[in-house]
Amino acid sequence: MRRIALYSDIHANSVALDAVYDDMRRAGIAERYCLGDLIGYGPDPAGVIERVRASGDPAIQGNYDEGVASRRGSCGCYYATDVDKANGAASYDFTDTALSPDDAGWLLGLPMHIPLLEDDARILLVHGSPRKINEYLLLDRTEHQLARLAHEAGADAVCHGHIHIPYHRSFVAAGSVAGAREGATVHYVSSGSVGKPKDGDPRACWVELVFGDEADVRAAAPGDGAAGPLGLSDVWLGVVVHRAAYDVEAVARSMVERGLPERLAEALRRA
């Protein structure tokens, strides 16, 4: 059985990242990947980059990482209201000032995708989607849309961050997707968010991928109703969502003390 830890959307929250690293160590998982957005919104971008670099975990570039590190004035984020846009601009300016040239260069050197193999099954790690760094793969996407996207990427499983909500979906690809392998089971896994959850639970989030035979996966991920075979292979994939408690209030206070908007601090408290 193979176990992999995925974590993403740390968003300059080094306290939450420390809690997640401690939780991963307790879980005994050595193979770990960071799916991007190390910076933005939080008070400690340099501390987060330092920790991820020191960890040696392979990491993917997120849209916020790319936007600030390239100094192009935008993180490629979606903001629904003028107030959200103003808070987003304040976050960008704070992060841009805090990001050193060395850290910016390291972020810009991160890959956009990491492909993995488990026997003959193909797993693709991305930040937003296989085709776009800031695409939101929310739960309203249809199976047809997701099957086509996975097929175009050559993946049996797509694992992503960006939406800050953890989930695992699986379905059998229909024949309506041209060229897709009919009868193959497609998986999508969202890693949630370490430092800025948006699912109502303010604790830091990471997810565990479990690969193995059906019996092992069902035993290791008993609450995962989406567990199933990968593609046309005999390998099963199950997912466990982990939460790690940390001092959310201390980080929220630090955000305000460092000049970030109170509304961003309140969003951290509310998740």
C-alpha atoms as a PDB file:
ATOM      1  CA  MET A   1       0.000   0.000   0.000  1.00  0.00           C
ATOM      2  CA  ARG A   2       1.273   3.457  -0.918  1.00  0.00           C
ATOM      3  CA  ARG A   3       0.346   6.556   1.081  1.00  0.00           C
ATOM      4  CA  ILE A   4       0.880  10.118  -0.156  1.00  0.00           C
ATOM      5  CA  ALA A   5       0.233  13.398   1.672  1.00  0.00           C
ATOM      6  CA  LEU A   6      -0.978  16.398  -0.334  1.00  0.00           C
ATOM      7  CA  TYR A   7      -1.144  19.932   1.031  1.00  0.00           C
ATOM      8  CA  SER A   8      -1.756  23.290  -0.585  1.00  0.00           C
ATOM      9  CA  ASP A   9      -2.927  26.860  -0.197  1.00  0.00           C
ATOM     10  CA  ILE A  10      -0.800  27.580   2.853  1.00  0.00           C
ATOM     11  CA  HIS A  11      -1.164  31.308   2.180  1.00  0.00           C
ATOM     12  CA  ALA A  12       1.640  32.610   4.380  1.00  0.00           C
ATOM     13  CA  ASN A  13       0.287  30.865   7.485  1.00  0.00           C
ATOM     14  CA  SER A  14       3.402  29.265   8.965  1.00  0.00           C
ATOM     15  CA  VAL A  15       1.663  28.315  12.220  1.00  0.00           C
ATOM     16  CA  ALA A  16      -0.891  26.227  10.333  1.00  0.00           C
ATOM     17  CA  LEU A  17       1.884  24.686   8.221  1.00  0.00           C
ATOM     18  CA  ASP A  18       3.800  23.629  11.338  1.00  0.00           C
ATOM     19  CA  ALA A  19       0.644  21.930  12.625  1.00  0.00           C
ATOM     20  CA  VAL A  20       0.191  20.075   9.334  1.00  0.00           C
ATOM     21  CA  TYR A  21       3.806  18.926   9.227  1.00  0.00           C
ATOM     22  CA  ASP A  22       3.470  17.625  12.791  1.00  0.00           C
ATOM     23  CA  ASP A  23       0.235  15.832  11.842  1.00  0.00           C
ATOM     24  CA  MET A  24       1.854  14.221   8.803  1.00  0.00           C
ATOM     25  CA  ARG A  25       4.762  12.988  10.892  1.00  0.00           C
ATOM     26  CA  ARG A  26       2.375  11.458  13.415  1.00  0.00           C
ATOM     27  CA  ALA A  27       0.531   9.760  10.532  1.00  0.00           C
ATOM     28  CA  GLY A  28       3.817   8.250   9.380  1.00  0.00           C
ATOM     29  CA  ILE A  29       3.641   9.503   5.779  1.00  0.00           C
ATOM     30  CA  ALA A  30       7.011  10.151   4.159  1.00  0.00           C
ATOM     31  CA  GLU A  31       5.919  10.890   0.559  1.00  0.00           C
ATOM     32  CA  ARG A  32       4.537  14.429   0.453  1.00  0.00           C
ATOM     33  CA  TYR A  33       3.738  17.018  -2.215  1.00  0.00           C
ATOM     34  CA  CYS A  34       2.815  20.700  -1.972  1.00  0.00           C
ATOM     35  CA  LEU A  35       0.267  21.839  -4.552  1.00  0.00           C
ATOM     36  CA  GLY A  36       1.035  25.548  -4.478  1.00  0.00           C
ATOM     37  CA  ASP A  37      -0.079  28.935  -3.199  1.00  0.00           C
ATOM     38  CA  LEU A  38       2.479  29.208  -0.440  1.00  0.00           C
ATOM     39  CA  ILE A  39       1.976  32.958  -0.127  1.00  0.00           C
ATOM     40  CA  GLY A  40      -0.758  35.597  -0.025  1.00  0.00           C
ATOM     41  CA  TYR A  41      -3.290  36.741   2.598  1.00  0.00           C
ATOM     42  CA  GLY A  42      -1.299  35.560   5.624  1.00  0.00           C
ATOM     43  CA  PRO A  43       1.352  37.301   7.750  1.00  0.00           C
ATOM     44  CA  ASP A  44       4.445  35.142   7.140  1.00  0.00           C
ATOM     45  CA  PRO A  45       5.238  34.477   3.465  1.00  0.00           C
ATOM     46  CA  ALA A  46       8.982  34.171   4.087  1.00  0.00           C
ATOM     47  CA  GLY A  47       8.467  31.691   6.936  1.00  0.00           C
ATOM     48  CA  VAL A  48       6.274  29.444   4.806  1.00  0.00           C
ATOM     49  CA  ILE A  49       8.692  29.454   1.871  1.00  0.00           C
ATOM     50  CA  GLU A  50      11.579  28.689   4.225  1.00  0.00           C
ATOM     51  CA  ARG A  51       9.733  25.694   5.690  1.00  0.00           C
ATOM     52  CA  VAL A  52       8.639  24.231   2.348  1.00  0.00           C
ATOM     53  CA  ARG A  53      12.120  24.653   0.869  1.00  0.00           C
ATOM     54  CA  ALA A  54      13.683  23.005   3.908  1.00  0.00           C
ATOM     55  CA  SER A  55      11.198  20.118   3.814  1.00  0.00           C
ATOM     56  CA  GLY A  56      12.452  18.909   0.451  1.00  0.00           C
ATOM     57  CA  ASP A  57       8.860  18.159  -0.587  1.00  0.00           C
ATOM     58  CA  PRO A  58       8.283  18.564  -4.335  1.00  0.00           C
ATOM     59  CA  ALA A  59       6.130  21.650  -4.843  1.00  0.00           C
ATOM     60  CA  ILE A  60       3.979  23.105  -7.619  1.00  0.00           C
ATOM     61  CA  GLN A  61       3.618  26.770  -8.454  1.00  0.00           C
ATOM     62  CA  GLY A  62       0.279  28.310  -7.478  1.00  0.00           C
ATOM     63  CA  ASN A  63      -1.388  31.306  -9.071  1.00  0.00           C
ATOM     64  CA  TYR A  64      -0.600  33.563  -6.110  1.00  0.00           C
ATOM     65  CA  ASP A  65       3.016  32.399  -6.134  1.00  0.00           C
ATOM     66  CA  GLU A  66       3.332  33.174  -9.838  1.00  0.00           C
ATOM     67  CA  GLY A  67       1.497  36.499  -9.673  1.00  0.00           C
ATOM     68  CA  VAL A  68       3.600  38.012  -6.909  1.00  0.00           C
ATOM     69  CA  ALA A  69       6.928  36.400  -7.802  1.00  0.00           C
ATOM     70  CA  SER A  70       6.649  37.727 -11.360  1.00  0.00           C
ATOM     71  CA  ARG A  71       5.789  41.197  -9.961  1.00  0.00           C
ATOM     72  CA  ARG A  72       2.955  41.585 -12.458  1.00  0.00           C
ATOM     73  CA  GLY A  73       0.511  43.277 -10.100  1.00  0.00           C
ATOM     74  CA  SER A  74      -2.148  40.558  -9.970  1.00  0.00           C
ATOM     75  CA  CYS A  75      -2.525  37.145  -8.365  1.00  0.00           C
ATOM     76  CA  GLY A  76      -5.045  35.925 -10.935  1.00  0.00           C
ATOM     77  CA  CYS A  77      -7.623  35.558  -8.155  1.00  0.00           C
ATOM     78  CA  TYR A  78     -11.394  35.946  -8.425  1.00  0.00           C
ATOM     79  CA  TYR A  79     -12.994  38.546  -6.140  1.00  0.00           C
ATOM     80  CA  ALA A  80     -16.769  38.864  -6.132  1.00  0.00           C
ATOM     81  CA  THR A  81     -17.167  42.347  -4.634  1.00  0.00           C
ATOM     82  CA  ASP A  82     -15.370  45.692  -4.588  1.00  0.00           C
ATOM     83  CA  VAL A  83     -14.566  45.169  -0.905  1.00  0.00           C
ATOM     84  CA  ASP A  84     -13.015  41.792  -1.703  1.00  0.00           C
ATOM     85  CA  LYS A  85     -11.006  43.398  -4.502  1.00  0.00           C
ATOM     86  CA  ALA A  86      -9.695  46.077  -2.121  1.00  0.00           C
ATOM     87  CA  ASN A  87      -8.721  43.482   0.473  1.00  0.00           C
ATOM     88  CA  GLY A  88      -7.102  41.404  -2.249  1.00  0.00           C
ATOM     89  CA  ALA A  89      -5.077  44.387  -3.402  1.00  0.00           C
ATOM     90  CA  ALA A  90      -3.907  45.043   0.162  1.00  0.00           C
ATOM     91  CA  SER A  91      -2.836  41.409   0.487  1.00  0.00           C
ATOM     92  CA  TYR A  92      -0.973  41.521  -2.818  1.00  0.00           C
ATOM     93  CA  ASP A  93       0.886  44.716  -1.869  1.00  0.00           C
ATOM     94  CA  PHE A  94       1.878  43.322   1.549  1.00  0.00           C
ATOM     95  CA  THR A  95       3.123  40.065   0.018  1.00  0.00           C
ATOM     96  CA  ASP A  96       4.949  41.819  -2.811  1.00  0.00           C
ATOM     97  CA  THR A  97       6.868  43.928  -0.298  1.00  0.00           C
ATOM     98  CA  ALA A  98       7.672  40.937   1.923  1.00  0.00           C
ATOM     99  CA  LEU A  99       8.876  38.605  -0.869  1.00  0.00           C
ATOM    100  CA  SER A 100      12.660  38.586  -1.318  1.00  0.00           C
ATOM    101  CA  PRO A 101      14.250  38.302  -4.775  1.00  0.00           C
ATOM    102  CA  ASP A 102      15.684  34.897  -3.817  1.00  0.00           C
ATOM    103  CA  ASP A 103      12.296  33.550  -2.731  1.00  0.00           C
ATOM    104  CA  ALA A 104      10.644  35.023  -5.834  1.00  0.00           C
ATOM    105  CA  GLY A 105      13.152  33.254  -8.058  1.00  0.00           C
ATOM    106  CA  TRP A 106      12.560  29.957  -6.269  1.00  0.00           C
ATOM    107  CA  LEU A 107       8.784  30.254  -6.672  1.00  0.00           C
ATOM    108  CA  LEU A 108       9.120  31.032 -10.382  1.00  0.00           C
ATOM    109  CA  GLY A 109      11.235  27.913 -10.807  1.00  0.00           C
ATOM    110  CA  LEU A 110       8.522  25.586  -9.515  1.00  0.00           C
ATOM    111  CA  PRO A 111       6.789  23.333 -12.074  1.00  0.00           C
ATOM    112  CA  MET A 112       3.147  23.690 -13.099  1.00  0.00           C
ATOM    113  CA  HIS A 113       2.447  19.929 -12.925  1.00  0.00           C
ATOM    114  CA  ILE A 114       3.881  16.832 -11.289  1.00  0.00           C
ATOM    115  CA  PRO A 115       2.967  13.476 -12.886  1.00  0.00           C
ATOM    116  CA  LEU A 116       3.002  10.290 -10.811  1.00  0.00           C
ATOM    117  CA  LEU A 117       2.481   6.628 -11.638  1.00  0.00           C
ATOM    118  CA  GLU A 118       1.024   3.829  -9.550  1.00  0.00           C
ATOM    119  CA  ASP A 119       1.497   0.674 -11.588  1.00  0.00           C
ATOM    120  CA  ASP A 120      -0.234   1.628 -14.861  1.00  0.00           C
ATOM    121  CA  ALA A 121      -2.447   4.307 -13.309  1.00  0.00           C
ATOM    122  CA  ARG A 122      -1.635   7.937 -14.100  1.00  0.00           C
ATOM    123  CA  ILE A 123      -1.929  10.629 -11.422  1.00  0.00           C
ATOM    124  CA  LEU A 124      -1.475  14.329 -12.196  1.00  0.00           C
ATOM    125  CA  LEU A 125      -0.768  16.922  -9.491  1.00  0.00           C
ATOM    126  CA  VAL A 126      -1.702  20.519 -10.350  1.00  0.00           C
ATOM    127  CA  HIS A 127      -2.678  23.709  -8.567  1.00  0.00           C
ATOM    128  CA  GLY A 128      -5.824  24.895 -10.344  1.00  0.00           C
ATOM    129  CA  SER A 129      -6.470  22.452 -13.194  1.00  0.00           C
ATOM    130  CA  PRO A 130      -4.419  20.621 -15.824  1.00  0.00           C
ATOM    131  CA  ARG A 131      -5.000  23.443 -18.303  1.00  0.00           C
ATOM    132  CA  LYS A 132      -4.932  26.598 -16.184  1.00  0.00           C
ATOM    133  CA  ILE A 133      -3.208  27.557 -12.948  1.00  0.00           C
ATOM    134  CA  ASN A 134      -6.173  29.550 -11.606  1.00  0.00           C
ATOM    135  CA  GLU A 135      -9.110  27.463 -12.826  1.00  0.00           C
ATOM    136  CA  TYR A 136     -11.589  26.527 -10.092  1.00  0.00           C
ATOM    137  CA  LEU A 137     -12.594  22.849 -10.174  1.00  0.00           C
ATOM    138  CA  LEU A 138     -15.556  23.228  -7.872  1.00  0.00           C
ATOM    139  CA  LEU A 139     -18.151  20.576  -7.137  1.00  0.00           C
ATOM    140  CA  ASP A 140     -20.538  22.022  -9.719  1.00  0.00           C
ATOM    141  CA  ARG A 141     -18.417  20.684 -12.600  1.00  0.00           C
ATOM    142  CA  THR A 142     -20.177  17.925 -14.537  1.00  0.00           C
ATOM    143  CA  GLU A 143     -18.694  14.461 -14.920  1.00  0.00           C
ATOM    144  CA  HIS A 144     -18.509  15.021 -18.674  1.00  0.00           C
ATOM    145  CA  GLN A 145     -16.438  18.187 -18.196  1.00  0.00           C
ATOM    146  CA  LEU A 146     -14.106  16.505 -15.734  1.00  0.00           C
ATOM    147  CA  ALA A 147     -13.733  13.347 -17.835  1.00  0.00           C
ATOM    148  CA  ARG A 148     -12.781  15.420 -20.877  1.00  0.00           C
ATOM    149  CA  LEU A 149     -10.277  17.461 -18.863  1.00  0.00           C
ATOM    150  CA  ALA A 150      -8.660  14.335 -17.409  1.00  0.00           C
ATOM    151  CA  HIS A 151      -8.516  12.671 -20.834  1.00  0.00           C
ATOM    152  CA  GLU A 152      -6.870  15.707 -22.421  1.00  0.00           C
ATOM    153  CA  ALA A 153      -4.298  15.672 -19.601  1.00  0.00           C
ATOM    154  CA  GLY A 154      -3.688  11.923 -19.921  1.00  0.00           C
ATOM    155  CA  ALA A 155      -4.646  11.341 -16.287  1.00  0.00           C
ATOM    156  CA  ASP A 156      -6.706   8.773 -14.405  1.00  0.00           C
ATOM    157  CA  ALA A 157      -6.646  10.971 -11.298  1.00  0.00           C
ATOM    158  CA  VAL A 158      -6.296  14.744 -11.064  1.00  0.00           C
ATOM    159  CA  CYS A 159      -5.248  16.126  -7.673  1.00  0.00           C
ATOM    160  CA  HIS A 160      -5.498  19.879  -7.214  1.00  0.00           C
ATOM    161  CA  GLY A 161      -5.685  22.735  -4.744  1.00  0.00           C
ATOM    162  CA  HIS A 162      -6.907  26.303  -5.293  1.00  0.00           C
ATOM    163  CA  ILE A 163     -10.520  25.975  -4.139  1.00  0.00           C
ATOM    164  CA  HIS A 164      -9.727  25.580  -0.401  1.00  0.00           C
ATOM    165  CA  ILE A 165     -12.399  22.884   0.022  1.00  0.00           C
ATOM    166  CA  PRO A 166     -11.367  19.205   0.275  1.00  0.00           C
ATOM    167  CA  TYR A 167     -13.210  16.568  -1.715  1.00  0.00           C
ATOM    168  CA  HIS A 168     -12.878  13.266  -3.550  1.00  0.00           C
ATOM    169  CA  ARG A 169     -15.021  12.496  -6.589  1.00  0.00           C
ATOM    170  CA  SER A 170     -14.913   9.420  -8.785  1.00  0.00           C
ATOM    171  CA  PHE A 171     -17.034   8.256 -11.698  1.00  0.00           C
ATOM    172  CA  VAL A 172     -16.892   5.950 -14.696  1.00  0.00           C
ATOM    173  CA  ALA A 173     -16.040   7.870 -17.866  1.00  0.00           C
ATOM    174  CA  ALA A 174     -18.813   7.772 -20.455  1.00  0.00           C
ATOM    175  CA  GLY A 175     -18.223   7.090 -24.112  1.00  0.00           C
ATOM    176  CA  SER A 176     -19.301  10.612 -25.041  1.00  0.00           C
ATOM    177  CA  VAL A 177     -15.759  11.918 -24.458  1.00  0.00           C
ATOM    178  CA  ALA A 178     -13.944  11.388 -27.744  1.00  0.00           C
ATOM    179  CA  GLY A 179     -10.915   9.159 -27.335  1.00  0.00           C
ATOM    180  CA  ALA A 180     -11.497   8.484 -23.633  1.00  0.00           C
ATOM    181  CA  ARG A 181     -11.105   4.938 -22.366  1.00  0.00           C
ATOM    182  CA  GLU A 182     -14.699   3.807 -21.894  1.00  0.00           C
ATOM    183  CA  GLY A 183     -15.297   2.145 -18.556  1.00  0.00           C
ATOM    184  CA  ALA A 184     -12.287   3.793 -16.926  1.00  0.00           C
ATOM    185  CA  THR A 185     -12.828   5.262 -13.472  1.00  0.00           C
ATOM    186  CA  VAL A 186     -11.741   8.891 -13.186  1.00  0.00           C
ATOM    187  CA  HIS A 187     -10.831  10.486  -9.849  1.00  0.00           C
ATOM    188  CA  TYR A 188     -10.602  14.118  -8.757  1.00  0.00           C
ATOM    189  CA  VAL A 189      -9.115  15.040  -5.383  1.00  0.00           C
ATOM    190  CA  SER A 190      -9.016  18.521  -3.877  1.00  0.00           C
ATOM    191  CA  SER A 191      -6.437  19.019  -1.129  1.00  0.00           C
ATOM    192  CA  GLY A 192      -8.336  21.714   0.789  1.00  0.00           C
ATOM    193  CA  SER A 193      -6.244  24.456   2.375  1.00  0.00           C
ATOM    194  CA  VAL A 194      -3.592  24.507   5.066  1.00  0.00           C
ATOM    195  CA  GLY A 195      -3.790  28.186   5.912  1.00  0.00           C
ATOM    196  CA  LYS A 196      -7.099  29.567   4.590  1.00  0.00           C
ATOM    197  CA  PRO A 197      -9.901  26.945   4.581  1.00  0.00           C
ATOM    198  CA  LYS A 198     -13.263  27.856   3.078  1.00  0.00           C
ATOM    199  CA  ASP A 199     -15.384  24.908   4.203  1.00  0.00           C
ATOM    200  CA  GLY A 200     -16.476  26.205   7.601  1.00  0.00           C
ATOM    201  CA  ASP A 201     -13.724  24.416   9.552  1.00  0.00           C
ATOM    202  CA  PRO A 202     -10.854  26.778  10.470  1.00  0.00           C
ATOM    203  CA  ARG A 203      -8.430  23.968  11.273  1.00  0.00           C
ATOM    204  CA  ALA A 204      -5.568  23.370   8.841  1.00  0.00           C
ATOM    205  CA  CYS A 205      -6.397  20.778   6.176  1.00  0.00           C
ATOM    206  CA  TRP A 206      -4.403  18.223   4.210  1.00  0.00           C
ATOM    207  CA  VAL A 207      -5.371  15.023   2.431  1.00  0.00           C
ATOM    208  CA  GLU A 208      -3.947  11.522   2.288  1.00  0.00           C
ATOM    209  CA  LEU A 209      -4.020   9.421  -0.866  1.00  0.00           C
ATOM    210  CA  VAL A 210      -4.117   5.678  -0.285  1.00  0.00           C
ATOM    211  CA  PHE A 211      -3.241   3.328  -3.157  1.00  0.00           C
ATOM    212  CA  GLY A 212      -3.566  -0.446  -2.978  1.00  0.00           C
ATOM    213  CA  ASP A 213      -5.950  -3.313  -3.477  1.00  0.00           C
ATOM    214  CA  GLU A 214      -9.621  -2.917  -2.644  1.00  0.00           C
ATOM    215  CA  ALA A 215      -9.396  -4.465   0.823  1.00  0.00           C
ATOM    216  CA  ASP A 216      -6.431  -2.342   1.916  1.00  0.00           C
ATOM    217  CA  VAL A 217      -7.922   0.888   0.607  1.00  0.00           C
ATOM    218  CA  ARG A 218     -11.325   0.289   2.175  1.00  0.00           C
ATOM    219  CA  ALA A 219      -9.626  -0.440   5.511  1.00  0.00           C
ATOM    220  CA  ALA A 220      -7.373   2.632   5.349  1.00  0.00           C
ATOM    221  CA  ALA A 221     -10.069   5.049   4.078  1.00  0.00           C
ATOM    222  CA  PRO A 222     -13.313   3.633   5.528  1.00  0.00           C
ATOM    223  CA  GLY A 223     -15.265   6.873   5.225  1.00  0.00           C
ATOM    224  CA  ASP A 224     -14.503   7.501   1.561  1.00  0.00           C
ATOM    225  CA  GLY A 225     -17.544   6.733  -0.556  1.00  0.00           C
ATOM    226  CA  ALA A 226     -15.635   7.675  -3.712  1.00  0.00           C
ATOM    227  CA  ALA A 227     -12.894   5.058  -3.240  1.00  0.00           C
ATOM    228  CA  GLY A 228     -12.512   2.871  -6.293  1.00  0.00           C
ATOM    229  CA  PRO A 229     -10.246   1.589  -9.048  1.00  0.00           C
ATOM    230  CA  LEU A 230      -7.964   3.979 -10.916  1.00  0.00           C
ATOM    231  CA  GLY A 231      -8.626   4.105 -14.637  1.00  0.00           C
ATOM    232  CA  LEU A 232      -8.750   0.560 -15.976  1.00  0.00           C
ATOM    233  CA  SER A 233      -6.198  -0.757 -13.501  1.00  0.00           C
ATOM    234  CA  ASP A 234      -6.593  -3.001 -10.473  1.00  0.00           C
ATOM    235  CA  VAL A 235      -5.179  -0.275  -8.221  1.00  0.00           C
ATOM    236  CA  TRP A 236      -7.693   1.407  -5.946  1.00  0.00           C
ATOM    237  CA  LEU A 237      -7.543   4.990  -4.682  1.00  0.00           C
ATOM    238  CA  GLY A 238      -9.034   6.170  -1.409  1.00  0.00           C
ATOM    239  CA  VAL A 239      -8.737   9.535   0.301  1.00  0.00           C
ATOM    240  CA  VAL A 240      -8.592  10.553   3.945  1.00  0.00           C
ATOM    241  CA  VAL A 241      -9.145  14.217   4.859  1.00  0.00           C
ATOM    242  CA  HIS A 242      -7.070  15.298   7.858  1.00  0.00           C
ATOM    243  CA  ARG A 243      -7.518  18.376  10.045  1.00  0.00           C
ATOM    244  CA  ALA A 244      -4.883  19.847  12.357  1.00  0.00           C
ATOM    245  CA  ALA A 245      -5.785  22.316  15.093  1.00  0.00           C
ATOM    246  CA  TYR A 246      -3.643  25.401  15.658  1.00  0.00           C
ATOM    247  CA  ASP A 247      -3.967  28.845  17.244  1.00  0.00           C
ATOM    248  CA  VAL A 248      -6.127  30.530  14.612  1.00  0.00           C
ATOM    249  CA  GLU A 249      -6.719  33.594  16.759  1.00  0.00           C
ATOM    250  CA  ALA A 250      -2.990  34.239  17.200  1.00  0.00           C
ATOM    251  CA  VAL A 251      -2.496  34.194  13.423  1.00  0.00           C
ATOM    252  CA  ALA A 252      -5.519  36.466  12.887  1.00  0.00           C
ATOM    253  CA  ARG A 253      -4.070  38.968  15.367  1.00  0.00           C
ATOM    254  CA  SER A 254      -0.696  38.795  13.647  1.00  0.00           C
ATOM    255  CA  MET A 255      -2.337  39.590  10.315  1.00  0.00           C
ATOM    256  CA  VAL A 256      -3.884  42.786  11.658  1.00  0.00           C
ATOM    257  CA  GLU A 257      -0.703  43.770  13.518  1.00  0.00           C
ATOM    258  CA  ARG A 258       1.261  43.503  10.271  1.00  0.00           C
ATOM    259  CA  GLY A 259      -1.209  45.750   8.455  1.00  0.00           C
ATOM    260  CA  LEU A 260      -3.419  43.253   6.654  1.00  0.00           C
ATOM    261  CA  PRO A 261      -7.163  44.026   6.551  1.00  0.00           C
ATOM    262  CA  GLU A 262      -9.309  42.979   9.511  1.00  0.00           C
ATOM    263  CA  ARG A 263     -11.743  41.400   7.048  1.00  0.00           C
ATOM    264  CA  LEU A 264      -9.059  38.906   5.984  1.00  0.00           C
ATOM    265  CA  ALA A 265      -8.386  38.047   9.612  1.00  0.00           C
ATOM    266  CA  GLU A 266     -12.087  37.508  10.207  1.00  0.00           C
ATOM    267  CA  ALA A 267     -12.291  35.235   7.142  1.00  0.00           C
ATOM    268  CA  LEU A 268      -9.541  33.082   8.695  1.00  0.00           C
ATOM    269  CA  ARG A 269     -11.556  32.768  11.906  1.00  0.00           C
ATOM    270  CA  ARG A 270     -14.766  31.862  10.076  1.00  0.00           C
ATOM    271  CA  ALA A 271     -13.210  29.634   7.397  1.00  0.00           C
END
